[in-house]
PDB file of all heavy atoms in Angstrom:
ATOM      1  N   ALA A   1       8.831  20.702  26.387  1.00  0.00           N
ATOM      2  CA  ALA A   1      10.272  20.868  26.521  1.00  0.00           C
ATOM      3  C   ALA A   1      10.624  21.712  27.729  1.00  0.00           C
ATOM      4  O   ALA A   1       9.927  22.695  27.977  1.00  0.00           O
ATOM      5  CB  ALA A   1      10.846  21.485  25.251  1.00  0.00           C
ATOM      6  N   SER A   2      11.627  21.355  28.411  1.00  0.00           N
ATOM      7  CA  SER A   2      12.151  22.153  29.520  1.00  0.00           C
ATOM      8  C   SER A   2      13.659  22.225  29.440  1.00  0.00           C
ATOM      9  O   SER A   2      14.319  21.282  28.986  1.00  0.00           O
ATOM     10  CB  SER A   2      11.710  21.610  30.856  1.00  0.00           C
ATOM     11  OG  SER A   2      12.234  20.310  31.088  1.00  0.00           O
ATOM     12  N   GLY A   3      14.191  23.351  29.855  1.00  0.00           N
ATOM     13  CA  GLY A   3      15.617  23.482  29.907  1.00  0.00           C
ATOM     14  C   GLY A   3      16.281  23.970  28.624  1.00  0.00           C
ATOM     15  O   GLY A   3      17.525  24.073  28.574  1.00  0.00           O
ATOM     16  N   PHE A   4      15.468  24.278  27.611  1.00  0.00           N
ATOM     17  CA  PHE A   4      16.069  24.770  26.383  1.00  0.00           C
ATOM     18  C   PHE A   4      15.040  25.555  25.586  1.00  0.00           C
ATOM     19  O   PHE A   4      13.800  25.442  25.790  1.00  0.00           O
ATOM     20  CB  PHE A   4      16.664  23.660  25.505  1.00  0.00           C
ATOM     21  CG  PHE A   4      15.647  22.647  25.023  1.00  0.00           C
ATOM     22  CD1 PHE A   4      15.137  22.722  23.748  1.00  0.00           C
ATOM     23  CD2 PHE A   4      15.239  21.596  25.847  1.00  0.00           C
ATOM     24  CE1 PHE A   4      14.216  21.801  23.282  1.00  0.00           C
ATOM     25  CE2 PHE A   4      14.326  20.661  25.374  1.00  0.00           C
ATOM     26  CZ  PHE A   4      13.817  20.765  24.116  1.00  0.00           C
ATOM     27  N   ASN A   5      15.509  26.363  24.679  1.00  0.00           N
ATOM     28  CA  ASN A   5      14.678  27.199  23.818  1.00  0.00           C
ATOM     29  C   ASN A   5      14.395  26.459  22.535  1.00  0.00           C
ATOM     30  O   ASN A   5      15.312  26.026  21.820  1.00  0.00           O
ATOM     31  CB  ASN A   5      15.394  28.519  23.543  1.00  0.00           C
ATOM     32  CG  ASN A   5      14.512  29.543  22.871  1.00  0.00           C
ATOM     33  OD1 ASN A   5      13.641  29.233  22.092  1.00  0.00           O
ATOM     34  ND2 ASN A   5      14.786  30.797  23.182  1.00  0.00           N
ATOM     35  N   LEU A   6      13.125  26.337  22.183  1.00  0.00           N
ATOM     36  CA  LEU A   6      12.770  25.601  20.965  1.00  0.00           C
ATOM     37  C   LEU A   6      13.339  26.235  19.719  1.00  0.00           C
ATOM     38  O   LEU A   6      13.500  25.565  18.703  1.00  0.00           O
ATOM     39  CB  LEU A   6      11.231  25.528  20.824  1.00  0.00           C
ATOM     40  CG  LEU A   6      10.500  24.672  21.843  1.00  0.00           C
ATOM     41  CD1 LEU A   6       8.990  24.702  21.552  1.00  0.00           C
ATOM     42  CD2 LEU A   6      11.018  23.232  21.832  1.00  0.00           C
ATOM     43  N   ASP A   7      13.621  27.512  19.751  1.00  0.00           N
ATOM     44  CA  ASP A   7      14.184  28.172  18.572  1.00  0.00           C
ATOM     45  C   ASP A   7      15.522  27.600  18.151  1.00  0.00           C
ATOM     46  O   ASP A   7      15.899  27.711  16.981  1.00  0.00           O
ATOM     47  CB  ASP A   7      14.356  29.684  18.854  1.00  0.00           C
ATOM     48  CG  ASP A   7      13.033  30.426  18.909  1.00  0.00           C
ATOM     49  OD1 ASP A   7      12.041  29.926  18.389  1.00  0.00           O
ATOM     50  OD2 ASP A   7      13.028  31.520  19.461  1.00  0.00           O
ATOM     51  N   TYR A   8      16.216  27.001  19.084  1.00  0.00           N
ATOM     52  CA  TYR A   8      17.565  26.503  18.772  1.00  0.00           C
ATOM     53  C   TYR A   8      17.629  25.047  18.405  1.00  0.00           C
ATOM     54  O   TYR A   8      18.699  24.523  18.090  1.00  0.00           O
ATOM     55  CB  TYR A   8      18.487  26.756  19.973  1.00  0.00           C
ATOM     56  CG  TYR A   8      18.550  28.180  20.449  1.00  0.00           C
ATOM     57  CD1 TYR A   8      18.799  28.482  21.795  1.00  0.00           C
ATOM     58  CD2 TYR A   8      18.353  29.250  19.566  1.00  0.00           C
ATOM     59  CE1 TYR A   8      18.842  29.796  22.233  1.00  0.00           C
ATOM     60  CE2 TYR A   8      18.409  30.566  20.002  1.00  0.00           C
ATOM     61  CZ  TYR A   8      18.666  30.820  21.348  1.00  0.00           C
ATOM     62  OH  TYR A   8      18.720  32.122  21.795  1.00  0.00           O
ATOM     63  N   TYR A   9      16.497  24.370  18.470  1.00  0.00           N
ATOM     64  CA  TYR A   9      16.483  22.902  18.295  1.00  0.00           C
ATOM     65  C   TYR A   9      15.431  22.474  17.276  1.00  0.00           C
ATOM     66  O   TYR A   9      14.406  23.138  17.083  1.00  0.00           O
ATOM     67  CB  TYR A   9      16.182  22.195  19.606  1.00  0.00           C
ATOM     68  CG  TYR A   9      17.318  22.267  20.608  1.00  0.00           C
ATOM     69  CD1 TYR A   9      17.511  23.388  21.403  1.00  0.00           C
ATOM     70  CD2 TYR A   9      18.208  21.215  20.721  1.00  0.00           C
ATOM     71  CE1 TYR A   9      18.562  23.453  22.292  1.00  0.00           C
ATOM     72  CE2 TYR A   9      19.255  21.271  21.613  1.00  0.00           C
ATOM     73  CZ  TYR A   9      19.427  22.407  22.400  1.00  0.00           C
ATOM     74  OH  TYR A   9      20.482  22.448  23.279  1.00  0.00           O
ATOM     75  N   ALA A  10      15.728  21.374  16.630  1.00  0.00           N
ATOM     76  CA  ALA A  10      14.722  20.665  15.874  1.00  0.00           C
ATOM     77  C   ALA A  10      14.094  19.631  16.764  1.00  0.00           C
ATOM     78  O   ALA A  10      14.770  18.963  17.550  1.00  0.00           O
ATOM     79  CB  ALA A  10      15.351  19.995  14.650  1.00  0.00           C
ATOM     80  N   ILE A  11      12.772  19.477  16.668  1.00  0.00           N
ATOM     81  CA  ILE A  11      12.060  18.502  17.439  1.00  0.00           C
ATOM     82  C   ILE A  11      11.430  17.490  16.482  1.00  0.00           C
ATOM     83  O   ILE A  11      10.787  17.887  15.514  1.00  0.00           O
ATOM     84  CB  ILE A  11      10.938  19.103  18.292  1.00  0.00           C
ATOM     85  CG1 ILE A  11      11.513  20.208  19.230  1.00  0.00           C
ATOM     86  CG2 ILE A  11      10.221  18.042  19.122  1.00  0.00           C
ATOM     87  CD1 ILE A  11      12.471  19.688  20.264  1.00  0.00           C
ATOM     88  N   GLY A  12      11.658  16.214  16.748  1.00  0.00           N
ATOM     89  CA  GLY A  12      11.144  15.171  15.902  1.00  0.00           C
ATOM     90  C   GLY A  12      10.195  14.267  16.654  1.00  0.00           C
ATOM     91  O   GLY A  12      10.377  14.083  17.888  1.00  0.00           O
ATOM     92  N   TRP A  13       9.223  13.712  15.955  1.00  0.00           N
ATOM     93  CA  TRP A  13       8.384  12.629  16.472  1.00  0.00           C
ATOM     94  C   TRP A  13       8.774  11.355  15.794  1.00  0.00           C
ATOM     95  O   TRP A  13       8.864  11.303  14.554  1.00  0.00           O
ATOM     96  CB  TRP A  13       6.901  12.956  16.204  1.00  0.00           C
ATOM     97  CG  TRP A  13       6.296  13.974  17.107  1.00  0.00           C
ATOM     98  CD1 TRP A  13       6.087  15.288  16.870  1.00  0.00           C
ATOM     99  CD2 TRP A  13       5.811  13.725  18.451  1.00  0.00           C
ATOM    100  NE1 TRP A  13       5.513  15.877  17.947  1.00  0.00           N
ATOM    101  CE2 TRP A  13       5.335  14.959  18.931  1.00  0.00           C
ATOM    102  CE3 TRP A  13       5.788  12.613  19.276  1.00  0.00           C
ATOM    103  CZ2 TRP A  13       4.798  15.095  20.220  1.00  0.00           C
ATOM    104  CZ3 TRP A  13       5.240  12.753  20.550  1.00  0.00           C
ATOM    105  CH2 TRP A  13       4.775  13.990  20.989  1.00  0.00           C
ATOM    106  N   PHE A  14       8.965  10.329  16.596  1.00  0.00           N
ATOM    107  CA  PHE A  14       9.307   9.019  16.122  1.00  0.00           C
ATOM    108  C   PHE A  14       8.350   8.030  16.726  1.00  0.00           C
ATOM    109  O   PHE A  14       7.688   8.305  17.742  1.00  0.00           O
ATOM    110  CB  PHE A  14      10.752   8.661  16.481  1.00  0.00           C
ATOM    111  CG  PHE A  14      11.753   9.578  15.902  1.00  0.00           C
ATOM    112  CD1 PHE A  14      12.028  10.824  16.501  1.00  0.00           C
ATOM    113  CD2 PHE A  14      12.462   9.243  14.738  1.00  0.00           C
ATOM    114  CE1 PHE A  14      12.960  11.689  15.974  1.00  0.00           C
ATOM    115  CE2 PHE A  14      13.390  10.100  14.189  1.00  0.00           C
ATOM    116  CZ  PHE A  14      13.645  11.327  14.808  1.00  0.00           C
ATOM    117  N   ARG A  15       8.244   6.842  16.145  1.00  0.00           N
ATOM    118  CA  ARG A  15       7.394   5.825  16.707  1.00  0.00           C
ATOM    119  C   ARG A  15       8.019   4.456  16.528  1.00  0.00           C
ATOM    120  O   ARG A  15       8.816   4.231  15.620  1.00  0.00           O
ATOM    121  CB  ARG A  15       6.000   5.845  16.053  1.00  0.00           C
ATOM    122  CG  ARG A  15       5.992   5.516  14.576  1.00  0.00           C
ATOM    123  CD  ARG A  15       4.603   5.730  13.988  1.00  0.00           C
ATOM    124  NE  ARG A  15       4.516   5.359  12.597  1.00  0.00           N
ATOM    125  CZ  ARG A  15       3.465   5.588  11.823  1.00  0.00           C
ATOM    126  NH1 ARG A  15       2.369   6.154  12.333  1.00  0.00           N
ATOM    127  NH2 ARG A  15       3.489   5.220  10.552  1.00  0.00           N
ATOM    128  N   GLN A  16       7.663   3.562  17.404  1.00  0.00           N
ATOM    129  CA  GLN A  16       8.133   2.192  17.351  1.00  0.00           C
ATOM    130  C   GLN A  16       7.013   1.258  17.683  1.00  0.00           C
ATOM    131  O   GLN A  16       6.415   1.327  18.789  1.00  0.00           O
ATOM    132  CB  GLN A  16       9.317   1.948  18.278  1.00  0.00           C
ATOM    133  CG  GLN A  16       9.951   0.603  18.111  1.00  0.00           C
ATOM    134  CD  GLN A  16      11.306   0.483  18.775  1.00  0.00           C
ATOM    135  OE1 GLN A  16      11.611   1.220  19.701  1.00  0.00           O
ATOM    136  NE2 GLN A  16      12.125  -0.409  18.258  1.00  0.00           N
ATOM    137  N   ALA A  17       6.637   0.397  16.762  1.00  0.00           N
ATOM    138  CA  ALA A  17       5.611  -0.592  16.934  1.00  0.00           C
ATOM    139  C   ALA A  17       6.233  -1.901  17.321  1.00  0.00           C
ATOM    140  O   ALA A  17       7.408  -2.163  16.995  1.00  0.00           O
ATOM    141  CB  ALA A  17       4.780  -0.735  15.662  1.00  0.00           C
ATOM    142  N   PRO A  18       5.495  -2.775  17.999  1.00  0.00           N
ATOM    143  CA  PRO A  18       6.011  -4.076  18.350  1.00  0.00           C
ATOM    144  C   PRO A  18       6.520  -4.856  17.130  1.00  0.00           C
ATOM    145  O   PRO A  18       5.837  -4.934  16.109  1.00  0.00           O
ATOM    146  CB  PRO A  18       4.812  -4.796  18.990  1.00  0.00           C
ATOM    147  CG  PRO A  18       3.961  -3.689  19.519  1.00  0.00           C
ATOM    148  CD  PRO A  18       4.117  -2.583  18.515  1.00  0.00           C
ATOM    149  N   GLY A  19       7.732  -5.376  17.218  1.00  0.00           N
ATOM    150  CA  GLY A  19       8.296  -6.134  16.143  1.00  0.00           C
ATOM    151  C   GLY A  19       8.875  -5.299  15.000  1.00  0.00           C
ATOM    152  O   GLY A  19       9.323  -5.877  13.998  1.00  0.00           O
ATOM    153  N   LYS A  20       8.821  -3.977  15.113  1.00  0.00           N
ATOM    154  CA  LYS A  20       9.333  -3.124  14.071  1.00  0.00           C
ATOM    155  C   LYS A  20      10.383  -2.163  14.628  1.00  0.00           C
ATOM    156  O   LYS A  20      10.461  -1.917  15.816  1.00  0.00           O
ATOM    157  CB  LYS A  20       8.177  -2.289  13.450  1.00  0.00           C
ATOM    158  CG  LYS A  20       7.119  -3.106  12.740  1.00  0.00           C
ATOM    159  CD  LYS A  20       6.096  -2.209  12.102  1.00  0.00           C
ATOM    160  CE  LYS A  20       5.050  -2.998  11.368  1.00  0.00           C
ATOM    161  NZ  LYS A  20       4.025  -2.100  10.712  1.00  0.00           N
ATOM    162  N   GLU A  21      11.216  -1.712  13.741  1.00  0.00           N
ATOM    163  CA  GLU A  21      12.233  -0.730  14.086  1.00  0.00           C
ATOM    164  C   GLU A  21      11.632   0.648  14.207  1.00  0.00           C
ATOM    165  O   GLU A  21      10.555   0.944  13.646  1.00  0.00           O
ATOM    166  CB  GLU A  21      13.397  -0.722  13.103  1.00  0.00           C
ATOM    167  CG  GLU A  21      14.155  -2.039  13.099  1.00  0.00           C
ATOM    168  CD  GLU A  21      15.435  -1.950  12.254  1.00  0.00           C
ATOM    169  OE1 GLU A  21      15.591  -0.953  11.535  1.00  0.00           O
ATOM    170  OE2 GLU A  21      16.226  -2.887  12.341  1.00  0.00           O
ATOM    171  N   ARG A  22      12.294   1.525  14.935  1.00  0.00           N
ATOM    172  CA  ARG A  22      11.845   2.877  15.092  1.00  0.00           C
ATOM    173  C   ARG A  22      11.838   3.581  13.748  1.00  0.00           C
ATOM    174  O   ARG A  22      12.739   3.425  12.903  1.00  0.00           O
ATOM    175  CB  ARG A  22      12.761   3.608  16.067  1.00  0.00           C
ATOM    176  CG  ARG A  22      12.296   5.005  16.433  1.00  0.00           C
ATOM    177  CD  ARG A  22      13.323   5.671  17.339  1.00  0.00           C
ATOM    178  NE  ARG A  22      14.576   5.920  16.623  1.00  0.00           N
ATOM    179  CZ  ARG A  22      15.728   6.119  17.231  1.00  0.00           C
ATOM    180  NH1 ARG A  22      15.813   6.060  18.551  1.00  0.00           N
ATOM    181  NH2 ARG A  22      16.807   6.349  16.500  1.00  0.00           N
ATOM    182  N   GLU A  23      10.811   4.403  13.522  1.00  0.00           N
ATOM    183  CA  GLU A  23      10.723   5.178  12.286  1.00  0.00           C
ATOM    184  C   GLU A  23      10.415   6.617  12.605  1.00  0.00           C
ATOM    185  O   GLU A  23       9.699   6.913  13.555  1.00  0.00           O
ATOM    186  CB  GLU A  23       9.700   4.595  11.351  1.00  0.00           C
ATOM    187  CG  GLU A  23       8.252   4.644  11.882  1.00  0.00           C
ATOM    188  CD  GLU A  23       7.231   4.204  10.848  1.00  0.00           C
ATOM    189  OE1 GLU A  23       7.506   4.265   9.623  1.00  0.00           O
ATOM    190  OE2 GLU A  23       6.135   3.766  11.268  1.00  0.00           O
ATOM    191  N   GLY A  24      10.934   7.500  11.789  1.00  0.00           N
ATOM    192  CA  GLY A  24      10.631   8.903  11.935  1.00  0.00           C
ATOM    193  C   GLY A  24       9.249   9.217  11.404  1.00  0.00           C
ATOM    194  O   GLY A  24       8.832   8.679  10.383  1.00  0.00           O
ATOM    195  N   VAL A  25       8.564  10.093  12.077  1.00  0.00           N
ATOM    196  CA  VAL A  25       7.196  10.484  11.703  1.00  0.00           C
ATOM    197  C   VAL A  25       7.159  11.913  11.160  1.00  0.00           C
ATOM    198  O   VAL A  25       6.662  12.159  10.062  1.00  0.00           O
ATOM    199  CB  VAL A  25       6.239  10.358  12.889  1.00  0.00           C
ATOM    200  CG1 VAL A  25       4.844  10.836  12.515  1.00  0.00           C
ATOM    201  CG2 VAL A  25       6.192   8.921  13.362  1.00  0.00           C
ATOM    202  N   SER A  26       7.687  12.848  11.923  1.00  0.00           N
ATOM    203  CA  SER A  26       7.634  14.235  11.558  1.00  0.00           C
ATOM    204  C   SER A  26       8.642  15.014  12.381  1.00  0.00           C
ATOM    205  O   SER A  26       9.053  14.579  13.467  1.00  0.00           O
ATOM    206  CB  SER A  26       6.237  14.825  11.753  1.00  0.00           C
ATOM    207  OG  SER A  26       6.163  16.173  11.354  1.00  0.00           O
ATOM    208  N   CYS A  27       9.068  16.151  11.872  1.00  0.00           N
ATOM    209  CA  CYS A  27       9.972  17.005  12.641  1.00  0.00           C
ATOM    210  C   CYS A  27       9.679  18.462  12.305  1.00  0.00           C
ATOM    211  O   CYS A  27       9.081  18.783  11.291  1.00  0.00           O
ATOM    212  CB  CYS A  27      11.466  16.679  12.355  1.00  0.00           C
ATOM    213  SG  CYS A  27      12.013  16.934  10.665  1.00  0.00           S
ATOM    214  N   ILE A  28      10.124  19.315  13.192  1.00  0.00           N
ATOM    215  CA  ILE A  28       9.909  20.760  13.024  1.00  0.00           C
ATOM    216  C   ILE A  28      11.096  21.513  13.581  1.00  0.00           C
ATOM    217  O   ILE A  28      11.684  21.128  14.597  1.00  0.00           O
ATOM    218  CB  ILE A  28       8.589  21.202  13.712  1.00  0.00           C
ATOM    219  CG1 ILE A  28       8.260  22.650  13.344  1.00  0.00           C
ATOM    220  CG2 ILE A  28       8.633  20.981  15.208  1.00  0.00           C
ATOM    221  CD1 ILE A  28       6.843  23.041  13.745  1.00  0.00           C
ATOM    222  N   SER A  29      11.464  22.545  12.917  1.00  0.00           N
ATOM    223  CA  SER A  29      12.483  23.446  13.370  1.00  0.00           C
ATOM    224  C   SER A  29      12.056  24.878  13.033  1.00  0.00           C
ATOM    225  O   SER A  29      10.986  25.112  12.488  1.00  0.00           O
ATOM    226  CB  SER A  29      13.846  23.127  12.713  1.00  0.00           C
ATOM    227  OG  SER A  29      13.862  23.521  11.351  1.00  0.00           O
ATOM    228  N   SER A  30      12.897  25.820  13.367  1.00  0.00           N
ATOM    229  CA  SER A  30      12.598  27.211  13.060  1.00  0.00           C
ATOM    230  C   SER A  30      12.510  27.456  11.567  1.00  0.00           C
ATOM    231  O   SER A  30      11.994  28.498  11.134  1.00  0.00           O
ATOM    232  CB  SER A  30      13.629  28.141  13.707  1.00  0.00           C
ATOM    233  OG  SER A  30      14.928  27.893  13.190  1.00  0.00           O
ATOM    234  N   SER A  31      13.045  26.567  10.741  1.00  0.00           N
ATOM    235  CA  SER A  31      13.074  26.727   9.305  1.00  0.00           C
ATOM    236  C   SER A  31      11.981  25.972   8.577  1.00  0.00           C
ATOM    237  O   SER A  31      11.872  26.092   7.352  1.00  0.00           O
ATOM    238  CB  SER A  31      14.413  26.264   8.755  1.00  0.00           C
ATOM    239  OG  SER A  31      15.467  27.063   9.297  1.00  0.00           O
ATOM    240  N   GLY A  32      11.172  25.181   9.280  1.00  0.00           N
ATOM    241  CA  GLY A  32      10.130  24.446   8.626  1.00  0.00           C
ATOM    242  C   GLY A  32       9.890  23.070   9.235  1.00  0.00           C
ATOM    243  O   GLY A  32      10.379  22.768  10.314  1.00  0.00           O
ATOM    244  N   ASP A  33       9.123  22.269   8.513  1.00  0.00           N
ATOM    245  CA  ASP A  33       8.788  20.935   9.015  1.00  0.00           C
ATOM    246  C   ASP A  33       8.880  19.905   7.908  1.00  0.00           C
ATOM    247  O   ASP A  33       9.008  20.228   6.737  1.00  0.00           O
ATOM    248  CB  ASP A  33       7.392  20.932   9.686  1.00  0.00           C
ATOM    249  CG  ASP A  33       6.325  21.522   8.808  1.00  0.00           C
ATOM    250  OD1 ASP A  33       6.387  21.390   7.564  1.00  0.00           O
ATOM    251  OD2 ASP A  33       5.371  22.134   9.352  1.00  0.00           O
ATOM    252  N   SER A  34       8.783  18.659   8.310  1.00  0.00           N
ATOM    253  CA  SER A  34       8.907  17.540   7.398  1.00  0.00           C
ATOM    254  C   SER A  34       8.070  16.384   7.896  1.00  0.00           C
ATOM    255  O   SER A  34       7.827  16.260   9.076  1.00  0.00           O
ATOM    256  CB  SER A  34      10.390  17.156   7.247  1.00  0.00           C
ATOM    257  OG  SER A  34      10.540  16.114   6.294  1.00  0.00           O
ATOM    258  N   TYR A  35       7.649  15.507   6.980  1.00  0.00           N
ATOM    259  CA  TYR A  35       6.805  14.382   7.305  1.00  0.00           C
ATOM    260  C   TYR A  35       7.239  13.141   6.564  1.00  0.00           C
ATOM    261  O   TYR A  35       7.724  13.207   5.441  1.00  0.00           O
ATOM    262  CB  TYR A  35       5.343  14.638   6.940  1.00  0.00           C
ATOM    263  CG  TYR A  35       4.732  15.819   7.656  1.00  0.00           C
ATOM    264  CD1 TYR A  35       4.828  17.114   7.137  1.00  0.00           C
ATOM    265  CD2 TYR A  35       4.061  15.637   8.867  1.00  0.00           C
ATOM    266  CE1 TYR A  35       4.246  18.172   7.787  1.00  0.00           C
ATOM    267  CE2 TYR A  35       3.479  16.725   9.513  1.00  0.00           C
ATOM    268  CZ  TYR A  35       3.571  17.979   8.987  1.00  0.00           C
ATOM    269  OH  TYR A  35       3.036  19.078   9.625  1.00  0.00           O
TER     270      TYR A  35
END
């Protein structure tokens, strides 16, 4: 990340496979994470 402080944002990982819609994988914020 550039241009911002991670403390203020949630960051998510998403993926998209051929022929499929995008799906959420995991996210993290200052308050915790999710999968």
